[in-house]
Amino acid sequence: MRIVLQRVSEASVEVEGRIVGRIGRGYCLLVGVEKLDSEAEAERLARKVADLRVFPDAAGKMNLSLAEAGGEILAVSQFTLAASVRKGRRPSFDDACEPKRAGELFARFVSALRSGGFLVETGIFQAEMKVHLINDGPVTFVLETEKTVE
């Protein structure tokens, strides 16, 4: 699983001209699911997202978690994050998880975030989406699961 986490002052996702998810201050998460990902990894990354301390405290230091900052989450499944562009000029999607399983793991990730007490808005899985956001900072991180074969 590969996640691009952006701290935002607001974000929304649009499908066919209609806003399907909108948040205020918090995280916009672009989530790519790969073949070797598991439920345990989805839950581990959800805990990591929840526990990251990237919001400023009173002294301006990145010291507050999402919960401490009163933040929300917009999570958007993004198949292209599972691509490799190491060789050639066309992305390879060999490591991308098949859609049914990817949808299940994305749902597990979102469920784990919600069970932590967060408001989580999402796009529509496999839809063509337009993501609108105001990156706060800008602050952007990439989180990934370990790539090991069991």
C-alpha atoms as a PDB file:
ATOM      1  CA  MET A   1       0.000   0.000   0.000  1.00  0.00           C
ATOM      2  CA  ARG A   2       1.292   3.415  -0.893  1.00  0.00           C
ATOM      3  CA  ILE A   3      -0.281   6.564   0.530  1.00  0.00           C
ATOM      4  CA  VAL A   4       0.364  10.178  -0.359  1.00  0.00           C
ATOM      5  CA  LEU A   5      -0.704  12.151   2.718  1.00  0.00           C
ATOM      6  CA  GLN A   6      -1.245  15.875   2.328  1.00  0.00           C
ATOM      7  CA  ARG A   7      -2.096  18.157   5.212  1.00  0.00           C
ATOM      8  CA  VAL A   8      -4.919  20.352   3.937  1.00  0.00           C
ATOM      9  CA  SER A   9      -7.004  23.293   5.039  1.00  0.00           C
ATOM     10  CA  GLU A  10      -9.838  21.845   2.928  1.00  0.00           C
ATOM     11  CA  ALA A  11     -10.380  19.155   0.295  1.00  0.00           C
ATOM     12  CA  SER A  12     -13.138  17.625  -1.775  1.00  0.00           C
ATOM     13  CA  VAL A  13     -13.642  14.946  -4.403  1.00  0.00           C
ATOM     14  CA  GLU A  14     -15.997  15.249  -7.345  1.00  0.00           C
ATOM     15  CA  VAL A  15     -17.543  12.527  -9.520  1.00  0.00           C
ATOM     16  CA  GLU A  16     -19.523  13.440 -12.658  1.00  0.00           C
ATOM     17  CA  GLY A  17     -19.804  17.066 -11.565  1.00  0.00           C
ATOM     18  CA  ARG A  18     -21.090  16.201  -8.073  1.00  0.00           C
ATOM     19  CA  ILE A  19     -19.145  16.590  -4.801  1.00  0.00           C
ATOM     20  CA  VAL A  20     -19.162  13.142  -3.132  1.00  0.00           C
ATOM     21  CA  GLY A  21     -16.791  13.915  -0.251  1.00  0.00           C
ATOM     22  CA  ARG A  22     -15.666  17.123   1.451  1.00  0.00           C
ATOM     23  CA  ILE A  23     -13.592  17.955   4.528  1.00  0.00           C
ATOM     24  CA  GLY A  24     -12.188  20.971   6.285  1.00  0.00           C
ATOM     25  CA  ARG A  25      -8.799  20.913   8.011  1.00  0.00           C
ATOM     26  CA  GLY A  26      -7.118  17.524   8.002  1.00  0.00           C
ATOM     27  CA  TYR A  27      -5.596  15.033   5.586  1.00  0.00           C
ATOM     28  CA  CYS A  28      -6.195  14.286   1.959  1.00  0.00           C
ATOM     29  CA  LEU A  29      -5.009  10.691   1.450  1.00  0.00           C
ATOM     30  CA  LEU A  30      -4.381   9.230  -1.992  1.00  0.00           C
ATOM     31  CA  VAL A  31      -4.272   5.450  -1.475  1.00  0.00           C
ATOM     32  CA  GLY A  32      -2.792   2.865  -3.858  1.00  0.00           C
ATOM     33  CA  VAL A  33      -3.242  -0.837  -3.070  1.00  0.00           C
ATOM     34  CA  GLU A  34      -0.678  -3.401  -4.240  1.00  0.00           C
ATOM     35  CA  LYS A  35      -0.801  -7.187  -4.709  1.00  0.00           C
ATOM     36  CA  LEU A  36       1.106  -8.103  -1.545  1.00  0.00           C
ATOM     37  CA  ASP A  37      -0.971  -5.893   0.760  1.00  0.00           C
ATOM     38  CA  SER A  38      -3.029  -7.406   3.586  1.00  0.00           C
ATOM     39  CA  GLU A  39      -5.696  -6.397   6.091  1.00  0.00           C
ATOM     40  CA  ALA A  40      -3.036  -6.146   8.792  1.00  0.00           C
ATOM     41  CA  GLU A  41      -1.004  -3.710   6.692  1.00  0.00           C
ATOM     42  CA  ALA A  42      -4.098  -1.618   5.936  1.00  0.00           C
ATOM     43  CA  GLU A  43      -4.813  -1.374   9.666  1.00  0.00           C
ATOM     44  CA  ARG A  44      -1.157  -0.623  10.494  1.00  0.00           C
ATOM     45  CA  LEU A  45      -1.077   2.243   7.998  1.00  0.00           C
ATOM     46  CA  ALA A  46      -4.375   3.579   9.360  1.00  0.00           C
ATOM     47  CA  ARG A  47      -2.799   3.700  12.845  1.00  0.00           C
ATOM     48  CA  LYS A  48       0.285   5.402  11.391  1.00  0.00           C
ATOM     49  CA  VAL A  49      -1.871   8.047   9.692  1.00  0.00           C
ATOM     50  CA  ALA A  50      -3.835   8.634  12.901  1.00  0.00           C
ATOM     51  CA  ASP A  51      -0.712   8.895  15.067  1.00  0.00           C
ATOM     52  CA  LEU A  52       1.457  11.136  12.864  1.00  0.00           C
ATOM     53  CA  ARG A  53       2.196  14.447  14.535  1.00  0.00           C
ATOM     54  CA  VAL A  54       2.324  16.905  11.653  1.00  0.00           C
ATOM     55  CA  PHE A  55       0.046  19.726  12.807  1.00  0.00           C
ATOM     56  CA  PRO A  56       1.623  22.775  14.448  1.00  0.00           C
ATOM     57  CA  ASP A  57       1.453  23.284  18.204  1.00  0.00           C
ATOM     58  CA  ALA A  58       1.367  26.707  19.902  1.00  0.00           C
ATOM     59  CA  ALA A  59       5.104  27.109  19.220  1.00  0.00           C
ATOM     60  CA  GLY A  60       4.652  26.313  15.511  1.00  0.00           C
ATOM     61  CA  LYS A  61       6.379  22.909  15.759  1.00  0.00           C
ATOM     62  CA  MET A  62       4.905  19.828  14.045  1.00  0.00           C
ATOM     63  CA  ASN A  63       3.792  18.228  17.266  1.00  0.00           C
ATOM     64  CA  LEU A  64       0.032  17.571  17.131  1.00  0.00           C
ATOM     65  CA  SER A  65      -1.754  14.506  15.781  1.00  0.00           C
ATOM     66  CA  LEU A  66      -4.858  14.627  13.618  1.00  0.00           C
ATOM     67  CA  ALA A  67      -7.092  14.028  16.649  1.00  0.00           C
ATOM     68  CA  GLU A  68      -5.339  16.741  18.682  1.00  0.00           C
ATOM     69  CA  ALA A  69      -5.789  19.170  15.790  1.00  0.00           C
ATOM     70  CA  GLY A  70      -9.465  18.237  15.369  1.00  0.00           C
ATOM     71  CA  GLY A  71      -8.837  17.149  11.777  1.00  0.00           C
ATOM     72  CA  GLU A  72     -10.855  15.189   9.236  1.00  0.00           C
ATOM     73  CA  ILE A  73      -9.836  12.808   6.444  1.00  0.00           C
ATOM     74  CA  LEU A  74     -10.603  12.612   2.744  1.00  0.00           C
ATOM     75  CA  ALA A  75      -9.408   9.204   1.461  1.00  0.00           C
ATOM     76  CA  VAL A  76      -9.315   8.617  -2.279  1.00  0.00           C
ATOM     77  CA  SER A  77      -8.375   5.303  -3.863  1.00  0.00           C
ATOM     78  CA  GLN A  78      -5.740   5.931  -6.535  1.00  0.00           C
ATOM     79  CA  PHE A  79      -4.767   2.948  -8.672  1.00  0.00           C
ATOM     80  CA  THR A  80      -1.874   4.803 -10.343  1.00  0.00           C
ATOM     81  CA  LEU A  81       0.092   4.920  -7.075  1.00  0.00           C
ATOM     82  CA  ALA A  82       0.727   1.178  -7.527  1.00  0.00           C
ATOM     83  CA  ALA A  83       2.463   1.796 -10.867  1.00  0.00           C
ATOM     84  CA  SER A  84       6.152   1.423 -11.578  1.00  0.00           C
ATOM     85  CA  VAL A  85       7.870   3.867 -13.933  1.00  0.00           C
ATOM     86  CA  ARG A  86      11.354   2.393 -13.525  1.00  0.00           C
ATOM     87  CA  LYS A  87      11.635   1.109 -17.106  1.00  0.00           C
ATOM     88  CA  GLY A  88      10.435   2.571 -20.373  1.00  0.00           C
ATOM     89  CA  ARG A  89       8.019   5.422 -20.860  1.00  0.00           C
ATOM     90  CA  ARG A  90       4.737   3.688 -20.048  1.00  0.00           C
ATOM     91  CA  PRO A  91       3.794   2.886 -16.420  1.00  0.00           C
ATOM     92  CA  SER A  92       3.613  -0.784 -15.451  1.00  0.00           C
ATOM     93  CA  PHE A  93       0.730  -1.839 -13.216  1.00  0.00           C
ATOM     94  CA  ASP A  94       2.014  -5.374 -12.574  1.00  0.00           C
ATOM     95  CA  ASP A  95       2.171  -4.773  -8.811  1.00  0.00           C
ATOM     96  CA  ALA A  96      -1.324  -3.287  -8.558  1.00  0.00           C
ATOM     97  CA  CYS A  97      -3.906  -5.291  -6.654  1.00  0.00           C
ATOM     98  CA  GLU A  98      -6.853  -6.604  -8.651  1.00  0.00           C
ATOM     99  CA  PRO A  99      -9.896  -4.314  -8.272  1.00  0.00           C
ATOM    100  CA  LYS A 100     -12.140  -6.488  -6.076  1.00  0.00           C
ATOM    101  CA  ARG A 101      -9.407  -7.145  -3.504  1.00  0.00           C
ATOM    102  CA  ALA A 102      -8.146  -3.529  -3.705  1.00  0.00           C
ATOM    103  CA  GLY A 103     -11.657  -2.294  -2.918  1.00  0.00           C
ATOM    104  CA  GLU A 104     -11.842  -4.588   0.105  1.00  0.00           C
ATOM    105  CA  LEU A 105      -8.457  -3.427   1.440  1.00  0.00           C
ATOM    106  CA  PHE A 106      -9.279   0.233   0.820  1.00  0.00           C
ATOM    107  CA  ALA A 107     -12.567  -0.257   2.718  1.00  0.00           C
ATOM    108  CA  ARG A 108     -10.663  -1.952   5.567  1.00  0.00           C
ATOM    109  CA  PHE A 109      -8.249   1.006   5.721  1.00  0.00           C
ATOM    110  CA  VAL A 110     -11.146   3.510   5.836  1.00  0.00           C
ATOM    111  CA  SER A 111     -12.965   1.424   8.454  1.00  0.00           C
ATOM    112  CA  ALA A 112      -9.854   1.362  10.656  1.00  0.00           C
ATOM    113  CA  LEU A 113      -9.622   5.170  10.437  1.00  0.00           C
ATOM    114  CA  ARG A 114     -13.308   5.568  11.283  1.00  0.00           C
ATOM    115  CA  SER A 115     -12.998   3.205  14.242  1.00  0.00           C
ATOM    116  CA  GLY A 116     -10.375   5.642  15.570  1.00  0.00           C
ATOM    117  CA  GLY A 117     -13.130   8.241  15.827  1.00  0.00           C
ATOM    118  CA  PHE A 118     -12.283  10.233  12.696  1.00  0.00           C
ATOM    119  CA  LEU A 119     -14.698  11.694  10.192  1.00  0.00           C
ATOM    120  CA  VAL A 120     -13.615  10.037   6.927  1.00  0.00           C
ATOM    121  CA  GLU A 121     -15.040  11.072   3.570  1.00  0.00           C
ATOM    122  CA  THR A 122     -14.177   9.106   0.416  1.00  0.00           C
ATOM    123  CA  GLY A 123     -14.444   9.218  -3.317  1.00  0.00           C
ATOM    124  CA  ILE A 124     -16.166   6.430  -5.266  1.00  0.00           C
ATOM    125  CA  PHE A 125     -13.989   3.379  -5.841  1.00  0.00           C
ATOM    126  CA  GLN A 126     -13.003   2.955  -9.529  1.00  0.00           C
ATOM    127  CA  ALA A 127     -14.767   6.164 -10.594  1.00  0.00           C
ATOM    128  CA  GLU A 128     -13.158   8.978 -12.560  1.00  0.00           C
ATOM    129  CA  MET A 129     -12.632  11.593  -9.852  1.00  0.00           C
ATOM    130  CA  LYS A 130     -11.474  15.181  -9.574  1.00  0.00           C
ATOM    131  CA  VAL A 131      -9.729  15.927  -6.281  1.00  0.00           C
ATOM    132  CA  HIS A 132      -9.665  19.541  -5.112  1.00  0.00           C
ATOM    133  CA  LEU A 133      -7.482  20.559  -2.189  1.00  0.00           C
ATOM    134  CA  ILE A 134      -5.607  23.346  -0.538  1.00  0.00           C
ATOM    135  CA  ASN A 135      -2.326  21.882   0.686  1.00  0.00           C
ATOM    136  CA  ASP A 136      -1.485  23.447   4.048  1.00  0.00           C
ATOM    137  CA  GLY A 137       2.206  24.164   4.416  1.00  0.00           C
ATOM    138  CA  PRO A 138       2.675  22.557   1.960  1.00  0.00           C
ATOM    139  CA  VAL A 139       3.066  19.399   4.019  1.00  0.00           C
ATOM    140  CA  THR A 140       3.179  16.105   2.105  1.00  0.00           C
ATOM    141  CA  PHE A 141       4.411  12.634   3.112  1.00  0.00           C
ATOM    142  CA  VAL A 142       4.548   9.232   1.410  1.00  0.00           C
ATOM    143  CA  LEU A 143       3.795   6.157   3.540  1.00  0.00           C
ATOM    144  CA  GLU A 144       4.323   2.604   2.296  1.00  0.00           C
ATOM    145  CA  THR A 145       3.910  -0.957   3.477  1.00  0.00           C
ATOM    146  CA  GLU A 146       6.880  -3.306   3.475  1.00  0.00           C
ATOM    147  CA  LYS A 147       7.324  -5.138   0.173  1.00  0.00           C
ATOM    148  CA  THR A 148       8.112  -8.654   1.369  1.00  0.00           C
ATOM    149  CA  VAL A 149       6.844 -12.021   0.208  1.00  0.00           C
ATOM    150  CA  GLU A 150       5.532 -14.265   2.996  1.00  0.00           C
END
